[in-house]
């Protein structure tokens, strides 16, 4: 089951918040909380509160939920409205300053119990060849034709 939490009108640009969101995408919920607590970015505190809210939503909606199996299924950051402000400049001019806001959405889900299935480690299959191995194998065949 999927559990969602949304933070709207966060007073930070979406570009800066996405840097923090990329750190926790796909991670276990408890690992993500630990990562955010150690991150020095300003948006990490707000995303940490949002993540804890999503975990609390999961606990409240389903009492039998195992919080240890929750993971960040999806997190995305959208741009929000910009506050327009004026910065006085020399010779009577005025420059516009945009104070950007963003909307953050986190979706948590539970990991399926996988009995006997190895975890994804990024290891290559036994029969798969790399691109360099394929090129090396192709060179002797070309040399035999000549």
N, C-alpha and C. Protein backbone atom coordinates (compact mmCIF):
# COMPACT_ATOMS: atom_id res chain seq x y z
N UNK A 1 0.84 -1.18 0.00
CA UNK A 1 0.00 0.00 0.00
C UNK A 1 0.89 1.24 0.00
N UNK A 2 0.44 2.26 -0.66
CA UNK A 2 1.24 3.47 -0.82
C UNK A 2 0.76 4.56 0.14
N UNK A 3 1.71 5.24 0.77
CA UNK A 3 1.41 6.31 1.73
C UNK A 3 2.07 7.59 1.25
N UNK A 4 1.32 8.69 1.30
CA UNK A 4 1.77 9.94 0.71
C UNK A 4 1.78 11.06 1.74
N UNK A 5 2.75 11.96 1.60
CA UNK A 5 2.78 13.21 2.36
C UNK A 5 3.22 14.30 1.40
N UNK A 6 2.67 15.50 1.60
CA UNK A 6 2.94 16.60 0.67
C UNK A 6 3.28 17.85 1.46
N UNK A 7 4.31 18.54 1.03
CA UNK A 7 4.71 19.82 1.61
C UNK A 7 4.58 20.87 0.52
N UNK A 8 3.75 21.86 0.79
CA UNK A 8 3.50 22.89 -0.22
C UNK A 8 4.06 24.22 0.27
N UNK A 9 4.46 25.06 -0.67
CA UNK A 9 4.95 26.41 -0.40
C UNK A 9 6.21 26.41 0.48
N UNK A 10 7.12 25.49 0.21
CA UNK A 10 8.40 25.50 0.90
C UNK A 10 9.22 26.66 0.35
N UNK A 11 9.74 27.50 1.24
CA UNK A 11 10.43 28.72 0.83
C UNK A 11 11.88 28.39 0.43
N UNK A 12 12.02 27.68 -0.68
CA UNK A 12 13.32 27.33 -1.25
C UNK A 12 13.09 26.99 -2.71
N UNK A 13 14.07 27.24 -3.54
CA UNK A 13 13.89 26.96 -4.96
C UNK A 13 13.86 25.44 -5.20
N UNK A 14 13.13 25.05 -6.21
CA UNK A 14 13.00 23.63 -6.52
C UNK A 14 14.34 23.00 -6.87
N UNK A 15 15.22 23.76 -7.50
CA UNK A 15 16.53 23.25 -7.89
C UNK A 15 17.33 22.84 -6.65
N UNK A 16 17.29 23.66 -5.61
CA UNK A 16 18.05 23.35 -4.39
C UNK A 16 17.42 22.19 -3.63
N UNK A 17 16.11 22.11 -3.63
CA UNK A 17 15.43 21.04 -2.90
C UNK A 17 15.64 19.70 -3.60
N UNK A 18 15.73 19.72 -4.94
CA UNK A 18 15.95 18.47 -5.68
C UNK A 18 17.29 17.84 -5.34
N UNK A 19 18.28 18.65 -5.01
CA UNK A 19 19.58 18.10 -4.61
C UNK A 19 19.44 17.22 -3.38
N UNK A 20 18.60 17.62 -2.44
CA UNK A 20 18.38 16.85 -1.22
C UNK A 20 17.48 15.65 -1.52
N UNK A 21 16.46 15.85 -2.35
CA UNK A 21 15.53 14.76 -2.66
C UNK A 21 16.25 13.60 -3.36
N UNK A 22 17.25 13.91 -4.17
CA UNK A 22 17.99 12.87 -4.88
C UNK A 22 18.77 11.98 -3.91
N UNK A 23 19.09 12.49 -2.73
CA UNK A 23 19.86 11.71 -1.77
C UNK A 23 19.07 10.54 -1.20
N UNK A 24 17.75 10.69 -1.09
CA UNK A 24 16.96 9.66 -0.40
C UNK A 24 16.07 8.85 -1.32
N UNK A 25 16.04 9.14 -2.60
CA UNK A 25 15.17 8.42 -3.53
C UNK A 25 15.54 6.94 -3.55
N UNK A 26 14.55 6.06 -3.27
CA UNK A 26 14.76 4.62 -3.30
C UNK A 26 15.33 4.02 -2.03
N UNK A 27 15.67 4.82 -1.06
CA UNK A 27 16.28 4.33 0.19
C UNK A 27 15.20 3.85 1.17
N UNK A 28 15.59 3.02 2.13
CA UNK A 28 14.70 2.64 3.21
C UNK A 28 14.35 3.88 4.02
N UNK A 29 13.17 3.88 4.63
CA UNK A 29 12.69 5.08 5.33
C UNK A 29 13.62 5.47 6.47
N UNK A 30 14.07 4.49 7.26
CA UNK A 30 14.93 4.82 8.40
C UNK A 30 16.30 5.29 7.92
N UNK A 31 16.82 4.70 6.86
CA UNK A 31 18.09 5.17 6.30
C UNK A 31 17.96 6.60 5.78
N UNK A 32 16.82 6.90 5.16
CA UNK A 32 16.59 8.25 4.64
C UNK A 32 16.53 9.27 5.76
N UNK A 33 15.90 8.91 6.88
CA UNK A 33 15.85 9.83 8.03
C UNK A 33 17.26 10.11 8.54
N UNK A 34 18.09 9.06 8.61
CA UNK A 34 19.47 9.23 9.07
C UNK A 34 20.29 10.09 8.11
N UNK A 35 20.11 9.87 6.82
CA UNK A 35 20.84 10.66 5.82
C UNK A 35 20.47 12.14 5.93
N UNK A 36 19.18 12.41 6.06
CA UNK A 36 18.72 13.80 6.13
C UNK A 36 19.16 14.49 7.42
N UNK A 37 19.28 13.73 8.50
CA UNK A 37 19.70 14.35 9.76
C UNK A 37 21.18 14.76 9.71
N UNK A 38 21.96 14.13 8.82
CA UNK A 38 23.38 14.45 8.72
C UNK A 38 23.71 15.37 7.54
N UNK A 39 22.72 15.70 6.73
CA UNK A 39 22.94 16.54 5.56
C UNK A 39 22.93 18.01 5.96
N UNK A 40 23.88 18.78 5.44
CA UNK A 40 24.01 20.18 5.82
C UNK A 40 23.16 21.15 5.00
N UNK A 41 22.49 20.66 3.98
CA UNK A 41 21.66 21.54 3.15
C UNK A 41 20.47 22.07 3.95
N UNK A 42 20.03 23.27 3.62
CA UNK A 42 18.94 23.89 4.36
C UNK A 42 17.61 23.17 4.19
N UNK A 43 17.38 22.60 3.02
CA UNK A 43 16.11 21.92 2.76
C UNK A 43 16.03 20.55 3.43
N UNK A 44 17.14 20.04 3.94
CA UNK A 44 17.16 18.70 4.53
C UNK A 44 16.27 18.64 5.77
N UNK A 45 16.23 19.71 6.53
CA UNK A 45 15.41 19.73 7.75
C UNK A 45 13.93 19.62 7.39
N UNK A 46 13.50 20.39 6.39
CA UNK A 46 12.09 20.37 5.99
C UNK A 46 11.70 19.04 5.36
N UNK A 47 12.57 18.47 4.54
CA UNK A 47 12.26 17.18 3.92
C UNK A 47 12.27 16.08 4.98
N UNK A 48 13.14 16.21 5.99
CA UNK A 48 13.14 15.25 7.09
C UNK A 48 11.82 15.26 7.85
N UNK A 49 11.29 16.45 8.11
CA UNK A 49 9.99 16.54 8.77
C UNK A 49 8.88 15.94 7.90
N UNK A 50 8.97 16.18 6.59
CA UNK A 50 7.99 15.62 5.68
C UNK A 50 8.07 14.10 5.65
N UNK A 51 9.26 13.56 5.66
CA UNK A 51 9.44 12.11 5.65
C UNK A 51 8.88 11.48 6.93
N UNK A 52 9.14 12.11 8.06
CA UNK A 52 8.58 11.60 9.32
C UNK A 52 7.06 11.67 9.31
N UNK A 53 6.51 12.70 8.67
CA UNK A 53 5.06 12.81 8.54
C UNK A 53 4.50 11.67 7.68
N UNK A 54 5.20 11.33 6.62
CA UNK A 54 4.76 10.23 5.76
C UNK A 54 4.81 8.90 6.52
N UNK A 55 5.83 8.71 7.34
CA UNK A 55 5.92 7.49 8.16
C UNK A 55 4.77 7.44 9.16
N UNK A 56 4.46 8.59 9.77
CA UNK A 56 3.34 8.65 10.72
C UNK A 56 2.01 8.38 10.00
N UNK A 57 1.87 8.88 8.77
CA UNK A 57 0.67 8.60 7.99
C UNK A 57 0.51 7.09 7.77
N UNK A 58 1.62 6.42 7.49
CA UNK A 58 1.59 4.98 7.27
C UNK A 58 1.16 4.25 8.54
N UNK A 59 1.69 4.68 9.68
CA UNK A 59 1.34 4.03 10.95
C UNK A 59 -0.13 4.25 11.29
N UNK A 60 -0.64 5.44 11.03
CA UNK A 60 -2.03 5.74 11.39
C UNK A 60 -3.04 5.07 10.47
N UNK A 61 -2.70 4.90 9.21
CA UNK A 61 -3.66 4.31 8.28
C UNK A 61 -3.69 2.80 8.33
N UNK A 62 -2.58 2.20 8.66
CA UNK A 62 -2.51 0.73 8.71
C UNK A 62 -1.78 0.34 9.97
N UNK A 63 -2.51 -0.18 10.96
CA UNK A 63 -1.89 -0.49 12.25
C UNK A 63 -0.96 -1.69 12.18
N UNK A 64 -1.13 -2.55 11.17
CA UNK A 64 -0.29 -3.74 11.06
C UNK A 64 0.97 -3.50 10.23
N UNK A 65 1.22 -2.24 9.88
CA UNK A 65 2.36 -1.94 9.01
C UNK A 65 3.68 -2.16 9.74
N UNK A 66 4.65 -2.73 9.03
CA UNK A 66 5.99 -2.88 9.57
C UNK A 66 6.81 -1.69 9.07
N UNK A 67 7.11 -0.76 9.97
CA UNK A 67 7.80 0.48 9.59
C UNK A 67 9.19 0.18 9.05
N UNK A 68 9.79 -0.91 9.47
CA UNK A 68 11.12 -1.28 8.99
C UNK A 68 11.15 -1.64 7.51
N UNK A 69 9.99 -1.99 6.93
CA UNK A 69 9.94 -2.37 5.51
C UNK A 69 9.55 -1.21 4.61
N UNK A 70 9.31 -0.03 5.17
CA UNK A 70 8.95 1.12 4.34
C UNK A 70 10.18 1.64 3.59
N UNK A 71 9.95 2.11 2.37
CA UNK A 71 11.02 2.74 1.60
C UNK A 71 10.44 3.89 0.79
N UNK A 72 11.31 4.79 0.36
CA UNK A 72 10.89 5.95 -0.41
C UNK A 72 10.68 5.49 -1.86
N UNK A 73 9.43 5.27 -2.20
CA UNK A 73 9.11 4.79 -3.54
C UNK A 73 9.27 5.91 -4.57
N UNK A 74 8.83 7.09 -4.19
CA UNK A 74 8.85 8.21 -5.13
C UNK A 74 8.96 9.50 -4.34
N UNK A 75 9.79 10.39 -4.81
CA UNK A 75 9.87 11.74 -4.25
C UNK A 75 10.11 12.69 -5.42
N UNK A 76 9.30 13.73 -5.47
CA UNK A 76 9.51 14.70 -6.53
C UNK A 76 9.24 16.10 -6.02
N UNK A 77 9.88 17.06 -6.67
CA UNK A 77 9.82 18.46 -6.28
C UNK A 77 9.33 19.26 -7.47
N UNK A 78 8.27 20.00 -7.26
CA UNK A 78 7.71 20.86 -8.30
C UNK A 78 7.89 22.31 -7.88
N UNK A 79 7.96 23.19 -8.84
CA UNK A 79 8.04 24.61 -8.54
C UNK A 79 6.70 25.15 -8.06
N UNK A 80 6.75 26.07 -7.14
CA UNK A 80 5.55 26.71 -6.64
C UNK A 80 5.50 28.15 -7.10
N UNK A 81 4.62 28.93 -6.52
CA UNK A 81 4.54 30.34 -6.91
C UNK A 81 5.76 31.11 -6.43
N UNK A 82 6.11 32.14 -7.16
CA UNK A 82 7.25 32.98 -6.79
C UNK A 82 6.74 34.28 -6.20
N UNK A 83 7.36 34.70 -5.11
CA UNK A 83 7.05 36.00 -4.53
C UNK A 83 7.89 37.03 -5.25
N UNK A 84 7.25 38.08 -5.74
CA UNK A 84 7.97 39.13 -6.47
C UNK A 84 8.30 40.27 -5.52
N UNK A 85 9.57 40.59 -5.43
CA UNK A 85 10.03 41.66 -4.55
C UNK A 85 10.88 42.63 -5.37
N UNK A 86 11.03 43.86 -4.86
CA UNK A 86 11.78 44.90 -5.56
C UNK A 86 13.05 45.22 -4.79
N UNK A 87 14.17 45.25 -5.49
CA UNK A 87 15.46 45.64 -4.90
C UNK A 87 15.83 47.01 -5.47
N UNK A 88 15.94 48.02 -4.63
CA UNK A 88 16.34 49.34 -5.16
C UNK A 88 17.75 49.28 -5.74
N UNK A 89 17.95 49.99 -6.82
CA UNK A 89 19.25 50.05 -7.48
C UNK A 89 19.64 51.51 -7.68
N UNK A 90 20.82 51.72 -8.18
CA UNK A 90 21.32 53.08 -8.37
C UNK A 90 20.53 53.83 -9.44
N UNK A 91 20.60 55.13 -9.39
CA UNK A 91 19.99 56.03 -10.36
C UNK A 91 18.48 55.80 -10.50
N UNK A 92 17.83 55.49 -9.39
CA UNK A 92 16.38 55.39 -9.39
C UNK A 92 15.81 54.14 -10.01
N UNK A 93 16.65 53.20 -10.35
CA UNK A 93 16.14 51.97 -10.96
C UNK A 93 15.70 50.99 -9.88
N UNK A 94 15.02 49.95 -10.31
CA UNK A 94 14.59 48.89 -9.39
C UNK A 94 14.78 47.55 -10.09
N UNK A 95 15.33 46.61 -9.36
CA UNK A 95 15.51 45.25 -9.87
C UNK A 95 14.50 44.34 -9.20
N UNK A 96 13.98 43.40 -9.96
CA UNK A 96 13.02 42.45 -9.42
C UNK A 96 13.77 41.25 -8.83
N UNK A 97 13.35 40.85 -7.65
CA UNK A 97 13.88 39.65 -7.00
C UNK A 97 12.75 38.63 -6.91
N UNK A 98 13.02 37.40 -7.32
CA UNK A 98 12.04 36.33 -7.23
C UNK A 98 12.41 35.43 -6.06
N UNK A 99 11.52 35.34 -5.10
CA UNK A 99 11.70 34.43 -3.97
C UNK A 99 10.91 33.17 -4.32
N UNK A 100 11.65 32.17 -4.75
CA UNK A 100 11.00 30.98 -5.30
C UNK A 100 10.53 30.03 -4.20
N UNK A 101 9.44 29.34 -4.50
CA UNK A 101 8.89 28.34 -3.59
C UNK A 101 8.79 27.01 -4.33
N UNK A 102 8.59 25.94 -3.56
CA UNK A 102 8.49 24.63 -4.19
C UNK A 102 7.48 23.77 -3.43
N UNK A 103 6.99 22.75 -4.12
CA UNK A 103 6.08 21.76 -3.56
C UNK A 103 6.79 20.41 -3.61
N UNK A 104 6.81 19.70 -2.46
CA UNK A 104 7.49 18.42 -2.37
C UNK A 104 6.46 17.33 -2.06
N UNK A 105 6.55 16.21 -2.75
CA UNK A 105 5.67 15.07 -2.51
C UNK A 105 6.51 13.82 -2.29
N UNK A 106 6.20 13.10 -1.22
CA UNK A 106 6.89 11.84 -0.91
C UNK A 106 5.86 10.72 -0.90
N UNK A 107 6.19 9.61 -1.56
CA UNK A 107 5.34 8.42 -1.53
C UNK A 107 6.16 7.27 -0.97
N UNK A 108 5.66 6.67 0.10
CA UNK A 108 6.31 5.52 0.72
C UNK A 108 5.54 4.26 0.36
N UNK A 109 6.25 3.15 0.32
CA UNK A 109 5.62 1.86 0.07
C UNK A 109 6.38 0.82 0.88
N UNK A 110 5.81 -0.38 1.00
CA UNK A 110 6.47 -1.44 1.73
C UNK A 110 7.19 -2.35 0.74
N UNK A 111 8.34 -2.82 1.14
CA UNK A 111 9.09 -3.75 0.30
C UNK A 111 8.45 -5.12 0.41
N UNK A 112 8.38 -5.81 -0.70
CA UNK A 112 7.84 -7.16 -0.72
C UNK A 112 8.86 -8.12 -0.14
N UNK A 113 8.39 -9.09 0.61
CA UNK A 113 9.29 -10.10 1.18
C UNK A 113 9.75 -11.01 0.06
N UNK A 114 11.06 -11.06 -0.15
CA UNK A 114 11.62 -11.87 -1.22
C UNK A 114 12.40 -13.02 -0.61
N UNK A 115 11.81 -14.20 -0.65
CA UNK A 115 12.47 -15.38 -0.07
C UNK A 115 13.31 -16.05 -1.14
N UNK A 116 14.59 -16.19 -0.89
CA UNK A 116 15.48 -16.89 -1.80
C UNK A 116 15.93 -16.09 -3.00
N UNK A 117 15.45 -14.87 -3.16
CA UNK A 117 15.87 -14.04 -4.29
C UNK A 117 17.02 -13.15 -3.87
N UNK A 118 18.14 -13.17 -4.58
CA UNK A 118 19.25 -12.31 -4.19
C UNK A 118 18.90 -10.84 -4.39
N UNK A 119 19.44 -10.02 -3.54
CA UNK A 119 19.19 -8.58 -3.64
C UNK A 119 19.89 -8.03 -4.88
N UNK A 120 19.35 -6.95 -5.42
CA UNK A 120 19.98 -6.32 -6.58
C UNK A 120 21.25 -5.62 -6.14
N UNK A 121 22.37 -6.13 -6.62
CA UNK A 121 23.65 -5.53 -6.26
C UNK A 121 24.31 -4.86 -7.44
N UNK A 122 23.69 -4.95 -8.59
CA UNK A 122 24.30 -4.36 -9.77
C UNK A 122 25.30 -5.29 -10.45
N UNK A 123 25.39 -6.54 -9.96
CA UNK A 123 26.32 -7.49 -10.56
C UNK A 123 25.80 -7.91 -11.92
N UNK A 124 26.72 -8.19 -12.84
CA UNK A 124 26.34 -8.57 -14.19
C UNK A 124 25.99 -10.05 -14.23
N UNK A 125 25.18 -10.41 -15.20
CA UNK A 125 24.82 -11.80 -15.38
C UNK A 125 26.05 -12.58 -15.84
N UNK A 126 26.03 -13.90 -15.60
CA UNK A 126 27.19 -14.72 -15.90
C UNK A 126 27.49 -14.74 -17.40
N UNK A 127 26.45 -14.77 -18.23
CA UNK A 127 26.65 -14.87 -19.67
C UNK A 127 26.83 -13.54 -20.37
N UNK A 128 26.65 -12.44 -19.67
CA UNK A 128 26.71 -11.13 -20.31
C UNK A 128 28.15 -10.71 -20.55
N UNK A 129 28.40 -10.16 -21.74
CA UNK A 129 29.74 -9.67 -22.07
C UNK A 129 29.74 -8.15 -22.06
N UNK A 130 30.85 -7.60 -21.68
CA UNK A 130 30.98 -6.14 -21.73
C UNK A 130 31.28 -5.71 -23.15
N UNK A 131 31.18 -4.42 -23.40
CA UNK A 131 31.43 -3.90 -24.75
C UNK A 131 32.87 -4.14 -25.18
N UNK A 132 33.82 -4.02 -24.26
CA UNK A 132 35.22 -4.24 -24.61
C UNK A 132 35.49 -5.71 -24.90
N UNK A 133 34.81 -6.60 -24.19
CA UNK A 133 34.99 -8.03 -24.43
C UNK A 133 34.43 -8.41 -25.79
N UNK A 134 33.33 -7.77 -26.19
CA UNK A 134 32.75 -8.06 -27.50
C UNK A 134 33.67 -7.59 -28.62
N UNK A 135 34.30 -6.39 -28.44
CA UNK A 135 35.23 -5.88 -29.44
C UNK A 135 36.45 -6.78 -29.56
N UNK A 136 36.97 -7.25 -28.42
CA UNK A 136 38.15 -8.12 -28.44
C UNK A 136 37.84 -9.44 -29.13
N UNK A 137 36.60 -9.94 -28.92
CA UNK A 137 36.22 -11.18 -29.56
C UNK A 137 36.01 -10.99 -31.07
N UNK A 138 35.62 -9.81 -31.48
CA UNK A 138 35.36 -9.56 -32.90
C UNK A 138 36.66 -9.36 -33.69
N UNK A 139 37.72 -8.87 -33.07
CA UNK A 139 38.97 -8.59 -33.77
C UNK A 139 39.62 -9.85 -34.35
N UNK A 140 39.76 -10.95 -33.59
CA UNK A 140 40.39 -12.14 -34.21
C UNK A 140 39.59 -12.70 -35.38
N UNK A 141 38.26 -12.57 -35.33
CA UNK A 141 37.46 -13.08 -36.45
C UNK A 141 37.72 -12.25 -37.70
N UNK A 142 37.89 -10.97 -37.54
CA UNK A 142 38.17 -10.11 -38.68
C UNK A 142 39.59 -10.38 -39.23
N UNK A 143 40.51 -10.71 -38.34
CA UNK A 143 41.90 -10.98 -38.76
C UNK A 143 41.95 -12.29 -39.55
N UNK A 144 41.11 -13.29 -39.23
CA UNK A 144 41.11 -14.56 -39.91
C UNK A 144 40.63 -14.43 -41.35
N UNK A 145 39.70 -13.48 -41.60
CA UNK A 145 39.18 -13.29 -42.95
C UNK A 145 40.23 -12.73 -43.88
N UNK A 146 41.16 -11.96 -43.38
CA UNK A 146 42.16 -11.31 -44.24
C UNK A 146 43.29 -12.19 -44.62
